[in-house]
Amino acid sequence: MAVDHDSHPTDEHEAVVARPGRVRAAAVRADTQPRLLELARWLRRRLPGDDRFGDALSTAGSEPAQVLARGVSALQPARESVAHELGLGALQLWQALSEASGRGRGTTDVALLFTDLVGFSSWALEAGDEPAVELLREAGEVVEGAVIDHRGVIVKRLGDGIMAAFLQPVQAIEAALDSHAGLEDVEVAGHRPRMRAGVHAGRPRRIGGDYLGVDVNIAARVGAAAGPRELLASEAVTEHLDRERFRISRSKRLKAPGTPKELRVCRVERQPSAQ
């Protein structure tokens, strides 16, 4: 009997050919299956690191994990995906391990200044909204003007205070001391603002226009430890200051959550001859 070479493929052959397509379709369905997607997010919430890693802020830098995360997000920018969550979860873990081993720190020395107005909230409750807003406006002009004058950058405004960054510790110190002096001329509804300030230098990670990391936490704690009209600075800052220009107190240990045990701070003022 002759063999018909032009006959249609057998059912078995059709099944073999169709199988890869069915597998791909099943994989796509699984990738967007709500229960699997929620499980992937649940796993991310339990991994070390930032479970929101992958958004525009956290991936704005140039570190390897951030660059890869932008690539992962670009593959599926508009669709929720299990693979997307698992990929970012792996990068989240990598970023956390890098942070723990010190590789997540920044590469540029930065001096960070934190300020706030002591007793402002209590006074504002009594004085009312209009005087409170006016005081914030006038105080903000003084402090932010001093930051700009000393080549600093306002990183963020924190209610009645700011966080600012400088390339040199002395710039941050001068900005804080000029702010103290300028605020002496500010008075609203019989109230004179009393600012406290803290400066610490380190290598925080820059993410977009913000800074993150242990050095940011230290700077904030140093600022919070200062008294009214006082400027405190860590030894990482005071070691760069000229004693002929600045009067620096004996250092004292600062105990605060999230700061190194060896953290020591000093009160900094201008020398009378330098004023």
Protein backbone atom coordinates (compact mmCIF):
# COMPACT_ATOMS: atom_id res chain seq x y z
CA MET A 1 0.00 0.00 0.00
CA ALA A 2 1.36 3.43 -0.91
CA VAL A 3 2.13 5.91 1.83
CA ASP A 4 0.44 9.28 1.52
CA HIS A 5 3.22 11.75 2.36
CA ASP A 6 0.85 14.70 1.94
CA SER A 7 -1.58 13.56 4.63
CA HIS A 8 -2.35 15.80 7.64
CA PRO A 9 -0.33 15.38 10.89
CA THR A 10 -1.56 12.82 13.34
CA ASP A 11 -3.39 13.79 16.52
CA GLU A 12 -0.27 12.82 18.50
CA HIS A 13 1.91 15.17 16.47
CA GLU A 14 -0.61 18.00 16.91
CA ALA A 15 -0.50 17.50 20.68
CA VAL A 16 3.31 17.70 20.72
CA VAL A 17 3.29 20.90 18.68
CA ALA A 18 0.55 22.50 20.78
CA ARG A 19 2.07 21.59 24.18
CA PRO A 20 4.57 24.53 24.37
CA GLY A 21 1.78 26.97 23.63
CA ARG A 22 -0.39 25.51 26.38
CA VAL A 23 2.53 25.65 28.82
CA ARG A 24 3.15 29.32 28.01
CA ALA A 25 -0.53 30.12 28.43
CA ALA A 26 -0.61 28.35 31.79
CA ALA A 27 2.51 30.24 32.90
CA VAL A 28 0.93 33.57 31.96
CA ARG A 29 -2.23 32.69 33.89
CA ALA A 30 -0.20 31.65 36.94
CA ASP A 31 1.88 34.84 36.73
CA THR A 32 -1.23 36.95 37.28
CA GLN A 33 -3.18 34.57 39.53
CA PRO A 34 -4.40 36.71 42.47
CA ARG A 35 -3.60 34.14 45.17
CA LEU A 36 -0.06 33.57 43.89
CA LEU A 37 0.43 37.31 43.55
CA GLU A 38 -0.66 37.86 47.16
CA LEU A 39 1.64 35.02 48.28
CA ALA A 40 4.59 36.67 46.50
CA ARG A 41 3.83 39.97 48.23
CA TRP A 42 3.45 38.19 51.57
CA LEU A 43 6.91 36.68 51.10
CA ARG A 44 8.38 40.09 50.25
CA ARG A 45 6.96 41.59 53.44
CA ARG A 46 8.87 38.97 55.42
CA LEU A 47 12.18 39.36 53.64
CA PRO A 48 14.85 41.66 55.09
CA GLY A 49 14.97 45.12 53.58
CA ASP A 50 12.39 47.50 52.13
CA ASP A 51 9.39 45.57 50.79
CA ARG A 52 8.52 48.64 48.67
CA PHE A 53 11.85 48.36 46.85
CA GLY A 54 11.19 48.88 43.17
CA ASP A 55 9.35 52.19 43.23
CA ALA A 56 10.76 55.29 41.54
CA LEU A 57 12.42 56.61 44.70
CA SER A 58 14.19 53.43 45.76
CA THR A 59 15.55 52.69 42.27
CA ALA A 60 16.78 56.17 41.38
CA GLY A 61 20.41 55.48 42.26
CA SER A 62 23.28 53.88 40.34
CA GLU A 63 23.95 50.87 42.58
CA PRO A 64 23.69 47.46 40.81
CA ALA A 65 20.50 46.42 42.61
CA GLN A 66 18.83 49.72 41.71
CA VAL A 67 19.82 49.48 38.05
CA LEU A 68 18.54 45.89 37.82
CA ALA A 69 15.31 46.86 39.59
CA ARG A 70 14.63 49.50 36.96
CA GLY A 71 15.12 46.81 34.33
CA VAL A 72 12.72 44.44 36.08
CA SER A 73 10.09 47.18 36.35
CA ALA A 74 10.53 48.12 32.69
CA LEU A 75 9.77 44.56 31.54
CA GLN A 76 6.22 44.71 32.87
CA PRO A 77 5.46 48.35 33.63
CA ALA A 78 1.67 48.13 33.52
CA ARG A 79 0.83 44.60 34.73
CA GLU A 80 0.88 43.12 38.21
CA SER A 81 2.99 39.99 38.06
CA VAL A 82 4.23 37.20 40.34
CA ALA A 83 7.54 37.11 38.44
CA HIS A 84 7.85 40.88 38.88
CA GLU A 85 7.32 40.62 42.66
CA LEU A 86 9.72 37.69 43.02
CA GLY A 87 12.37 39.46 40.96
CA LEU A 88 12.12 42.59 43.08
CA GLY A 89 12.10 40.42 46.21
CA ALA A 90 15.45 38.92 45.24
CA LEU A 91 16.87 42.39 44.60
CA GLN A 92 15.35 43.62 47.88
CA LEU A 93 17.21 40.87 49.72
CA TRP A 94 20.44 41.65 47.86
CA GLN A 95 20.11 45.34 48.75
CA ALA A 96 19.47 44.51 52.43
CA LEU A 97 22.51 42.23 52.61
CA SER A 98 24.63 44.94 50.97
CA GLU A 99 23.42 47.43 53.57
CA ALA A 100 24.23 45.04 56.42
CA SER A 101 27.77 44.49 55.16
CA GLY A 102 28.41 48.19 54.61
CA ARG A 103 28.36 48.05 50.81
CA GLY A 104 25.08 49.96 50.76
CA ARG A 105 26.66 53.15 52.08
CA GLY A 106 27.21 56.08 49.80
CA THR A 107 30.50 57.04 48.22
CA THR A 108 30.54 60.79 48.94
CA ASP A 109 31.29 62.47 52.27
CA VAL A 110 28.32 64.60 53.28
CA ALA A 111 27.61 66.76 56.33
CA LEU A 112 23.97 66.64 57.40
CA LEU A 113 22.25 69.38 59.39
CA PHE A 114 18.98 68.89 61.26
CA THR A 115 17.11 71.77 62.89
CA ASP A 116 13.82 72.34 64.65
CA LEU A 117 12.16 75.01 66.77
CA VAL A 118 11.94 74.11 70.46
CA GLY A 119 8.46 74.56 71.93
CA PHE A 120 6.92 75.68 68.64
CA SER A 121 3.98 73.26 68.70
CA SER A 122 2.85 74.30 72.19
CA TRP A 123 3.16 77.99 71.35
CA ALA A 124 1.32 77.55 68.04
CA LEU A 125 -1.66 75.96 69.81
CA GLU A 126 -2.03 79.06 71.97
CA ALA A 127 -1.10 81.68 69.37
CA GLY A 128 -3.29 80.36 66.55
CA ASP A 129 -2.74 79.54 62.91
CA GLU A 130 -1.93 82.98 61.51
CA PRO A 131 0.94 83.82 63.90
CA ALA A 132 2.24 80.24 63.64
CA VAL A 133 2.38 80.40 59.85
CA GLU A 134 4.04 83.82 59.98
CA LEU A 135 6.70 82.57 62.40
CA LEU A 136 7.43 79.55 60.23
CA ARG A 137 7.74 81.80 57.19
CA GLU A 138 10.15 84.23 58.85
CA ALA A 139 12.20 81.52 60.55
CA GLY A 140 12.33 79.54 57.32
CA GLU A 141 13.69 82.52 55.41
CA VAL A 142 16.50 82.90 57.96
CA VAL A 143 17.48 79.22 58.17
CA GLU A 144 17.11 78.37 54.50
CA GLY A 145 18.94 81.56 53.54
CA ALA A 146 21.87 80.55 55.76
CA VAL A 147 21.94 77.08 54.20
CA ILE A 148 22.09 78.52 50.69
CA ASP A 149 24.70 81.12 51.69
CA HIS A 150 27.00 78.31 52.82
CA ARG A 151 26.50 76.22 49.66
CA GLY A 152 24.12 73.75 51.24
CA VAL A 153 21.03 72.07 49.82
CA ILE A 154 17.65 71.76 51.53
CA VAL A 155 16.90 68.03 51.45
CA LYS A 156 13.48 68.26 53.08
CA ARG A 157 11.36 70.46 55.32
CA LEU A 158 10.28 68.81 58.55
CA GLY A 159 7.39 70.82 59.95
CA ASP A 160 9.20 73.49 61.97
CA GLY A 161 12.66 72.31 60.94
CA ILE A 162 14.77 71.20 58.01
CA MET A 163 17.27 68.61 56.89
CA ALA A 164 20.11 70.05 54.81
CA ALA A 165 23.22 68.58 53.19
CA PHE A 166 26.67 70.09 52.67
CA LEU A 167 29.90 68.87 51.12
CA GLN A 168 32.03 70.27 53.96
CA PRO A 169 31.33 70.00 57.73
CA VAL A 170 32.38 73.61 58.32
CA GLN A 171 29.69 74.78 55.89
CA ALA A 172 26.99 73.05 57.94
CA ILE A 173 28.37 74.52 61.17
CA GLU A 174 28.48 78.05 59.76
CA ALA A 175 24.94 77.71 58.42
CA ALA A 176 23.63 76.59 61.82
CA LEU A 177 25.42 79.36 63.71
CA ASP A 178 24.26 82.01 61.23
CA SER A 179 20.72 80.67 61.65
CA HIS A 180 20.95 81.06 65.42
CA ALA A 181 22.16 84.64 65.00
CA GLY A 182 19.52 85.52 62.42
CA LEU A 183 16.67 84.14 64.50
CA GLU A 184 17.53 86.60 67.27
CA ASP A 185 15.86 89.27 65.12
CA VAL A 186 12.67 87.25 64.54
CA GLU A 187 9.68 87.90 66.79
CA VAL A 188 6.03 87.14 66.12
CA ALA A 189 3.21 87.88 68.60
CA GLY A 190 5.78 88.38 71.35
CA HIS A 191 7.45 85.02 70.70
CA ARG A 192 11.10 84.55 69.70
CA PRO A 193 11.89 81.19 68.09
CA ARG A 194 14.50 79.01 69.78
CA MET A 195 16.19 76.68 67.34
CA ARG A 196 18.22 73.59 68.14
CA ALA A 197 20.55 72.04 65.61
CA GLY A 198 22.74 69.00 65.08
CA VAL A 199 25.40 68.17 62.51
CA HIS A 200 26.95 64.81 61.64
CA ALA A 201 29.20 63.82 58.75
CA GLY A 202 29.28 60.48 56.99
CA ARG A 203 28.46 58.72 53.75
CA PRO A 204 24.68 58.31 53.55
CA ARG A 205 23.09 56.72 50.51
CA ARG A 206 21.57 59.20 48.11
CA ILE A 207 18.24 58.08 46.66
CA GLY A 208 16.77 60.59 44.28
CA GLY A 209 16.81 63.90 46.15
CA ASP A 210 16.89 62.28 49.58
CA TYR A 211 19.48 60.60 51.78
CA LEU A 212 19.03 57.37 53.70
CA GLY A 213 21.12 55.28 56.06
CA VAL A 214 22.57 55.16 59.53
CA ASP A 215 24.36 58.51 59.11
CA VAL A 216 21.02 60.24 58.55
CA ASN A 217 19.66 58.67 61.72
CA ILE A 218 22.74 59.77 63.67
CA ALA A 219 22.43 63.36 62.43
CA ALA A 220 18.76 63.47 63.42
CA ARG A 221 19.55 62.11 66.90
CA VAL A 222 22.33 64.66 67.37
CA GLY A 223 19.92 67.45 66.48
CA ALA A 224 17.23 66.12 68.81
CA ALA A 225 19.72 66.03 71.70
CA ALA A 226 20.55 69.74 71.42
CA GLY A 227 18.98 72.28 73.74
CA PRO A 228 17.33 75.60 72.81
CA ARG A 229 19.71 77.84 70.81
CA GLU A 230 22.33 75.08 70.96
CA LEU A 231 24.37 73.44 68.20
CA LEU A 232 25.70 69.92 68.74
CA ALA A 233 28.08 68.18 66.37
CA SER A 234 29.51 64.69 66.28
CA GLU A 235 33.26 64.12 66.49
CA ALA A 236 33.15 63.22 62.79
CA VAL A 237 32.41 66.93 62.30
CA THR A 238 34.46 68.62 65.02
CA GLU A 239 37.68 66.94 63.89
CA HIS A 240 37.48 69.10 60.76
CA LEU A 241 36.91 72.42 62.58
CA ASP A 242 39.46 75.16 63.26
CA ARG A 243 39.73 75.71 67.03
CA GLU A 244 40.69 79.32 66.43
CA ARG A 245 37.34 79.95 64.76
CA PHE A 246 35.13 77.70 66.89
CA ARG A 247 34.83 76.99 70.57
CA ILE A 248 34.24 73.26 70.98
CA SER A 249 33.20 71.74 74.29
CA ARG A 250 34.52 68.52 75.73
CA SER A 251 32.81 65.61 74.00
CA LYS A 252 30.16 63.55 75.71
CA ARG A 253 28.66 60.23 74.80
CA LEU A 254 25.24 60.34 73.17
CA LYS A 255 23.03 57.36 73.89
CA ALA A 256 20.16 57.16 71.41
CA PRO A 257 18.36 54.36 69.55
CA GLY A 258 19.93 53.41 66.24
CA THR A 259 23.27 55.13 66.91
CA PRO A 260 26.72 53.60 67.50
CA LYS A 261 27.82 53.06 71.09
CA GLU A 262 30.94 55.12 70.47
CA LEU A 263 29.02 58.20 69.26
CA ARG A 264 30.24 61.35 71.02
CA VAL A 265 29.05 64.91 70.49
CA CYS A 266 30.31 68.41 71.31
CA ARG A 267 28.69 71.80 71.67
CA VAL A 268 29.98 74.20 69.03
CA GLU A 269 30.03 78.01 69.20
CA ARG A 270 32.00 80.73 67.47
CA GLN A 271 35.07 82.01 69.24
CA PRO A 272 34.43 85.57 70.52
CA SER A 273 37.29 86.79 68.34
CA ALA A 274 35.63 85.27 65.25
CA GLN A 275 32.23 86.86 65.78
